[in-house]
Amino acid sequence: MASGETVEWVIGLAGQVPLVGVFIWFTLRLLHLGQAEREAGKDMSARVMNEWRQYMLARDTEWRQFLVDERQARSESMGRLAEEMKSLAQAQVSLEKSLLSHDELLKDLLEQQRRK
């Protein structure tokens, strides 16, 4: 290589080095911005997931309380229904006794009428 060629090569290299440096800086800057956005996204995702978890826990608590209240109301209703059915059964037995005694009385009266 002649000294003129070396000088041209150095001048060409000197012109390219800043361009490569700018390209490297720009690439690193984009990587840094991308990393910052990913971290912000992770923070936001974590915050959103935490809010969702809190919402679901509150909803589950409300749902469980509703189910407890509903079960208690159903148990009380079934208890009242059982008492009412028992009362109706007793009334039916009493009515049957009354009807049987009435039938017996009528039989006796009819027998008396036939004898006369």
N, C-alpha and C. Protein backbone atom coordinates (compact mmCIF):
# COMPACT_ATOMS: atom_id res chain seq x y z
N MET A 1 0.83 -1.17 0.00
CA MET A 1 0.00 0.00 0.00
C MET A 1 0.88 1.23 0.00
N ALA A 2 0.48 2.11 -0.79
CA ALA A 2 1.24 3.35 -0.86
C ALA A 2 0.72 4.32 0.19
N SER A 3 1.51 5.29 0.50
CA SER A 3 1.12 6.23 1.54
C SER A 3 -0.13 7.00 1.15
N GLY A 4 -0.39 7.22 -0.12
CA GLY A 4 -1.60 7.91 -0.57
C GLY A 4 -2.83 7.06 -0.36
N GLU A 5 -2.63 5.77 -0.60
CA GLU A 5 -3.76 4.86 -0.38
C GLU A 5 -4.08 4.74 1.10
N THR A 6 -3.06 4.73 1.92
CA THR A 6 -3.26 4.62 3.36
C THR A 6 -3.99 5.85 3.88
N VAL A 7 -3.64 6.98 3.38
CA VAL A 7 -4.28 8.21 3.82
C VAL A 7 -5.76 8.20 3.42
N GLU A 8 -6.02 7.76 2.19
CA GLU A 8 -7.42 7.69 1.75
C GLU A 8 -8.21 6.68 2.60
N TRP A 9 -7.56 5.58 2.90
CA TRP A 9 -8.22 4.55 3.71
C TRP A 9 -8.52 5.10 5.11
N VAL A 10 -7.59 5.81 5.71
CA VAL A 10 -7.77 6.40 7.03
C VAL A 10 -8.86 7.47 6.97
N ILE A 11 -8.85 8.29 5.91
CA ILE A 11 -9.87 9.32 5.78
C ILE A 11 -11.26 8.68 5.63
N GLY A 12 -11.35 7.62 4.82
CA GLY A 12 -12.63 6.92 4.65
C GLY A 12 -13.09 6.30 5.97
N LEU A 13 -12.11 5.72 6.69
CA LEU A 13 -12.44 5.11 7.99
C LEU A 13 -12.85 6.18 8.98
N ALA A 14 -12.20 7.31 8.97
CA ALA A 14 -12.53 8.40 9.89
C ALA A 14 -13.93 8.93 9.62
N GLY A 15 -14.38 8.88 8.40
CA GLY A 15 -15.74 9.32 8.08
C GLY A 15 -16.79 8.29 8.49
N GLN A 16 -16.40 7.02 8.48
CA GLN A 16 -17.35 5.96 8.83
C GLN A 16 -17.48 5.74 10.34
N VAL A 17 -16.43 5.97 11.09
CA VAL A 17 -16.44 5.73 12.53
C VAL A 17 -17.53 6.54 13.23
N PRO A 18 -17.68 7.83 12.96
CA PRO A 18 -18.77 8.56 13.63
C PRO A 18 -20.15 8.00 13.26
N LEU A 19 -20.29 7.59 11.98
CA LEU A 19 -21.58 7.03 11.57
C LEU A 19 -21.86 5.72 12.32
N VAL A 20 -20.85 4.88 12.47
CA VAL A 20 -21.02 3.63 13.22
C VAL A 20 -21.31 3.94 14.68
N GLY A 21 -20.62 4.93 15.23
CA GLY A 21 -20.86 5.33 16.62
C GLY A 21 -22.29 5.81 16.83
N VAL A 22 -22.79 6.64 15.88
CA VAL A 22 -24.16 7.13 15.97
C VAL A 22 -25.13 5.95 15.87
N PHE A 23 -24.85 5.01 14.94
CA PHE A 23 -25.71 3.84 14.80
C PHE A 23 -25.73 3.01 16.07
N ILE A 24 -24.57 2.79 16.69
CA ILE A 24 -24.50 2.02 17.94
C ILE A 24 -25.24 2.76 19.05
N TRP A 25 -25.03 4.08 19.16
CA TRP A 25 -25.72 4.85 20.19
C TRP A 25 -27.24 4.78 20.00
N PHE A 26 -27.70 4.93 18.73
CA PHE A 26 -29.12 4.89 18.43
C PHE A 26 -29.71 3.52 18.77
N THR A 27 -28.99 2.46 18.45
CA THR A 27 -29.45 1.11 18.75
C THR A 27 -29.55 0.90 20.26
N LEU A 28 -28.51 1.31 21.00
CA LEU A 28 -28.54 1.17 22.46
C LEU A 28 -29.67 1.99 23.07
N ARG A 29 -29.90 3.18 22.53
CA ARG A 29 -30.98 4.04 23.03
C ARG A 29 -32.34 3.37 22.82
N LEU A 30 -32.57 2.80 21.63
CA LEU A 30 -33.82 2.09 21.36
C LEU A 30 -33.98 0.89 22.29
N LEU A 31 -32.89 0.16 22.51
CA LEU A 31 -32.96 -0.98 23.43
C LEU A 31 -33.31 -0.52 24.84
N HIS A 32 -32.71 0.59 25.28
CA HIS A 32 -32.99 1.13 26.60
C HIS A 32 -34.46 1.57 26.70
N LEU A 33 -34.96 2.26 25.67
CA LEU A 33 -36.36 2.70 25.68
C LEU A 33 -37.30 1.50 25.68
N GLY A 34 -36.98 0.49 24.88
CA GLY A 34 -37.80 -0.72 24.85
C GLY A 34 -37.83 -1.41 26.20
N GLN A 35 -36.65 -1.46 26.86
CA GLN A 35 -36.58 -2.08 28.18
C GLN A 35 -37.41 -1.28 29.19
N ALA A 36 -37.32 0.04 29.11
CA ALA A 36 -38.10 0.89 30.02
C ALA A 36 -39.60 0.68 29.80
N GLU A 37 -40.00 0.57 28.52
CA GLU A 37 -41.42 0.33 28.24
C GLU A 37 -41.85 -1.04 28.75
N ARG A 38 -41.02 -2.05 28.58
CA ARG A 38 -41.36 -3.38 29.07
C ARG A 38 -41.49 -3.38 30.59
N GLU A 39 -40.58 -2.69 31.27
CA GLU A 39 -40.67 -2.61 32.73
C GLU A 39 -41.92 -1.85 33.16
N ALA A 40 -42.23 -0.77 32.45
CA ALA A 40 -43.46 -0.03 32.77
C ALA A 40 -44.67 -0.90 32.50
N GLY A 41 -44.61 -1.67 31.42
CA GLY A 41 -45.70 -2.59 31.12
C GLY A 41 -45.84 -3.66 32.18
N LYS A 42 -44.70 -4.16 32.67
CA LYS A 42 -44.75 -5.16 33.75
C LYS A 42 -45.36 -4.56 35.00
N ASP A 43 -44.93 -3.32 35.32
CA ASP A 43 -45.50 -2.64 36.50
C ASP A 43 -47.00 -2.45 36.32
N MET A 44 -47.40 -2.04 35.12
CA MET A 44 -48.82 -1.82 34.87
C MET A 44 -49.56 -3.16 34.92
N SER A 45 -48.97 -4.19 34.33
CA SER A 45 -49.60 -5.51 34.36
C SER A 45 -49.74 -6.01 35.79
N ALA A 46 -48.71 -5.81 36.57
CA ALA A 46 -48.77 -6.24 37.97
C ALA A 46 -49.85 -5.46 38.73
N ARG A 47 -49.93 -4.17 38.46
CA ARG A 47 -50.95 -3.34 39.12
C ARG A 47 -52.35 -3.77 38.68
N VAL A 48 -52.53 -3.99 37.39
CA VAL A 48 -53.84 -4.41 36.88
C VAL A 48 -54.21 -5.78 37.45
N MET A 49 -53.26 -6.69 37.48
CA MET A 49 -53.52 -8.03 38.02
C MET A 49 -53.86 -7.94 39.51
N ASN A 50 -53.18 -7.08 40.24
CA ASN A 50 -53.47 -6.91 41.66
C ASN A 50 -54.88 -6.34 41.86
N GLU A 51 -55.24 -5.35 41.03
CA GLU A 51 -56.59 -4.78 41.12
C GLU A 51 -57.63 -5.84 40.78
N TRP A 52 -57.35 -6.65 39.75
CA TRP A 52 -58.29 -7.72 39.36
C TRP A 52 -58.43 -8.74 40.48
N ARG A 53 -57.32 -9.09 41.09
CA ARG A 53 -57.34 -10.06 42.19
C ARG A 53 -58.16 -9.51 43.36
N GLN A 54 -57.97 -8.23 43.69
CA GLN A 54 -58.74 -7.62 44.77
C GLN A 54 -60.23 -7.60 44.43
N TYR A 55 -60.55 -7.27 43.18
CA TYR A 55 -61.95 -7.27 42.75
C TYR A 55 -62.55 -8.66 42.88
N MET A 56 -61.83 -9.68 42.43
CA MET A 56 -62.34 -11.04 42.48
C MET A 56 -62.49 -11.51 43.93
N LEU A 57 -61.56 -11.15 44.80
CA LEU A 57 -61.68 -11.52 46.21
C LEU A 57 -62.92 -10.87 46.84
N ALA A 58 -63.15 -9.60 46.53
CA ALA A 58 -64.34 -8.91 47.06
C ALA A 58 -65.60 -9.55 46.51
N ARG A 59 -65.60 -9.86 45.22
CA ARG A 59 -66.76 -10.50 44.59
C ARG A 59 -67.01 -11.88 45.19
N ASP A 60 -65.95 -12.65 45.39
CA ASP A 60 -66.10 -13.97 46.00
C ASP A 60 -66.65 -13.87 47.41
N THR A 61 -66.17 -12.89 48.17
CA THR A 61 -66.67 -12.70 49.54
C THR A 61 -68.16 -12.37 49.52
N GLU A 62 -68.55 -11.46 48.62
CA GLU A 62 -69.97 -11.11 48.51
C GLU A 62 -70.79 -12.33 48.08
N TRP A 63 -70.28 -13.11 47.15
CA TRP A 63 -71.00 -14.28 46.66
C TRP A 63 -71.16 -15.32 47.77
N ARG A 64 -70.09 -15.54 48.53
CA ARG A 64 -70.17 -16.50 49.64
C ARG A 64 -71.20 -16.04 50.67
N GLN A 65 -71.20 -14.75 50.99
CA GLN A 65 -72.16 -14.23 51.95
C GLN A 65 -73.59 -14.40 51.42
N PHE A 66 -73.78 -14.14 50.13
CA PHE A 66 -75.10 -14.34 49.53
C PHE A 66 -75.53 -15.79 49.67
N LEU A 67 -74.62 -16.72 49.40
CA LEU A 67 -74.96 -18.14 49.50
C LEU A 67 -75.30 -18.54 50.93
N VAL A 68 -74.57 -18.00 51.91
CA VAL A 68 -74.86 -18.28 53.32
C VAL A 68 -76.25 -17.75 53.67
N ASP A 69 -76.53 -16.49 53.28
CA ASP A 69 -77.83 -15.90 53.57
C ASP A 69 -78.96 -16.68 52.90
N GLU A 70 -78.74 -17.06 51.66
CA GLU A 70 -79.75 -17.80 50.91
C GLU A 70 -80.00 -19.17 51.55
N ARG A 71 -78.94 -19.84 51.99
CA ARG A 71 -79.08 -21.15 52.64
C ARG A 71 -79.84 -21.02 53.95
N GLN A 72 -79.54 -19.98 54.72
CA GLN A 72 -80.26 -19.76 55.98
C GLN A 72 -81.73 -19.47 55.72
N ALA A 73 -82.02 -18.64 54.72
CA ALA A 73 -83.41 -18.33 54.39
C ALA A 73 -84.15 -19.58 53.94
N ARG A 74 -83.49 -20.42 53.14
CA ARG A 74 -84.12 -21.65 52.68
C ARG A 74 -84.37 -22.60 53.84
N SER A 75 -83.41 -22.70 54.76
CA SER A 75 -83.58 -23.57 55.92
C SER A 75 -84.75 -23.11 56.78
N GLU A 76 -84.83 -21.80 57.01
CA GLU A 76 -85.94 -21.26 57.79
C GLU A 76 -87.28 -21.51 57.10
N SER A 77 -87.31 -21.33 55.78
CA SER A 77 -88.54 -21.57 55.03
C SER A 77 -88.94 -23.03 55.10
N MET A 78 -87.97 -23.92 54.98
CA MET A 78 -88.27 -25.35 55.05
C MET A 78 -88.78 -25.71 56.45
N GLY A 79 -88.23 -25.08 57.47
CA GLY A 79 -88.70 -25.32 58.84
C GLY A 79 -90.15 -24.87 59.01
N ARG A 80 -90.46 -23.68 58.49
CA ARG A 80 -91.84 -23.19 58.57
C ARG A 80 -92.78 -24.07 57.77
N LEU A 81 -92.32 -24.52 56.61
CA LEU A 81 -93.13 -25.40 55.78
C LEU A 81 -93.40 -26.73 56.49
N ALA A 82 -92.38 -27.27 57.15
CA ALA A 82 -92.56 -28.52 57.90
C ALA A 82 -93.56 -28.33 59.04
N GLU A 83 -93.45 -27.21 59.74
CA GLU A 83 -94.42 -26.94 60.82
C GLU A 83 -95.84 -26.82 60.27
N GLU A 84 -95.99 -26.14 59.14
CA GLU A 84 -97.31 -25.98 58.54
C GLU A 84 -97.87 -27.33 58.09
N MET A 85 -97.03 -28.17 57.51
CA MET A 85 -97.49 -29.50 57.08
C MET A 85 -97.90 -30.35 58.28
N LYS A 86 -97.14 -30.22 59.37
CA LYS A 86 -97.49 -30.96 60.59
C LYS A 86 -98.85 -30.49 61.11
N SER A 87 -99.04 -29.18 61.08
CA SER A 87 -100.32 -28.62 61.53
C SER A 87 -101.46 -29.09 60.63
N LEU A 88 -101.24 -29.12 59.34
CA LEU A 88 -102.27 -29.59 58.41
C LEU A 88 -102.57 -31.07 58.63
N ALA A 89 -101.55 -31.87 58.90
CA ALA A 89 -101.75 -33.30 59.15
C ALA A 89 -102.58 -33.49 60.42
N GLN A 90 -102.29 -32.70 61.46
CA GLN A 90 -103.07 -32.79 62.69
C GLN A 90 -104.52 -32.38 62.46
N ALA A 91 -104.71 -31.34 61.63
CA ALA A 91 -106.06 -30.89 61.32
C ALA A 91 -106.80 -31.98 60.54
N GLN A 92 -106.11 -32.66 59.65
CA GLN A 92 -106.74 -33.73 58.88
C GLN A 92 -107.16 -34.88 59.80
N VAL A 93 -106.28 -35.25 60.74
CA VAL A 93 -106.61 -36.31 61.69
C VAL A 93 -107.82 -35.90 62.51
N SER A 94 -107.85 -34.67 62.97
CA SER A 94 -108.98 -34.17 63.76
C SER A 94 -110.27 -34.20 62.93
N LEU A 95 -110.18 -33.79 61.67
CA LEU A 95 -111.33 -33.80 60.78
C LEU A 95 -111.83 -35.22 60.55
N GLU A 96 -110.89 -36.15 60.34
CA GLU A 96 -111.27 -37.55 60.15
C GLU A 96 -112.00 -38.09 61.38
N LYS A 97 -111.48 -37.74 62.57
CA LYS A 97 -112.15 -38.18 63.80
C LYS A 97 -113.56 -37.60 63.88
N SER A 98 -113.68 -36.32 63.54
CA SER A 98 -114.99 -35.67 63.58
C SER A 98 -115.94 -36.34 62.58
N LEU A 99 -115.46 -36.62 61.38
CA LEU A 99 -116.30 -37.26 60.38
C LEU A 99 -116.69 -38.67 60.80
N LEU A 100 -115.76 -39.39 61.39
CA LEU A 100 -116.08 -40.75 61.85
C LEU A 100 -117.12 -40.72 62.96
N SER A 101 -116.95 -39.78 63.90
CA SER A 101 -117.95 -39.69 64.98
C SER A 101 -119.30 -39.25 64.42
N HIS A 102 -119.30 -38.35 63.42
CA HIS A 102 -120.53 -37.92 62.78
C HIS A 102 -121.20 -39.10 62.08
N ASP A 103 -120.39 -39.91 61.34
CA ASP A 103 -120.94 -41.08 60.66
C ASP A 103 -121.54 -42.06 61.67
N GLU A 104 -120.86 -42.26 62.77
CA GLU A 104 -121.38 -43.17 63.79
C GLU A 104 -122.70 -42.65 64.37
N LEU A 105 -122.75 -41.36 64.61
CA LEU A 105 -123.97 -40.75 65.13
C LEU A 105 -125.12 -40.92 64.14
N LEU A 106 -124.85 -40.69 62.85
CA LEU A 106 -125.88 -40.85 61.83
C LEU A 106 -126.34 -42.30 61.73
N LYS A 107 -125.39 -43.23 61.83
CA LYS A 107 -125.75 -44.65 61.80
C LYS A 107 -126.70 -44.98 62.96
N ASP A 108 -126.33 -44.46 64.11
CA ASP A 108 -127.18 -44.71 65.29
C ASP A 108 -128.57 -44.10 65.09
N LEU A 109 -128.63 -42.87 64.57
CA LEU A 109 -129.92 -42.22 64.34
C LEU A 109 -130.75 -42.98 63.29
N LEU A 110 -130.10 -43.43 62.24
CA LEU A 110 -130.80 -44.21 61.22
C LEU A 110 -131.32 -45.53 61.78
N GLU A 111 -130.54 -46.15 62.61
CA GLU A 111 -130.96 -47.42 63.26
C GLU A 111 -132.18 -47.15 64.15
N GLN A 112 -132.15 -46.06 64.87
CA GLN A 112 -133.27 -45.71 65.73
C GLN A 112 -134.52 -45.45 64.89
N GLN A 113 -134.33 -44.77 63.75
CA GLN A 113 -135.47 -44.49 62.88
C GLN A 113 -136.05 -45.77 62.29
N ARG A 114 -135.25 -46.72 61.96
CA ARG A 114 -135.71 -47.98 61.40
C ARG A 114 -136.47 -48.79 62.43
N ARG A 115 -136.04 -48.73 63.63
CA ARG A 115 -136.69 -49.50 64.71
C ARG A 115 -138.08 -48.95 65.02
N LYS A 116 -138.29 -47.75 64.78
CA LYS A 116 -139.57 -47.13 65.13
C LYS A 116 -140.57 -47.49 64.14
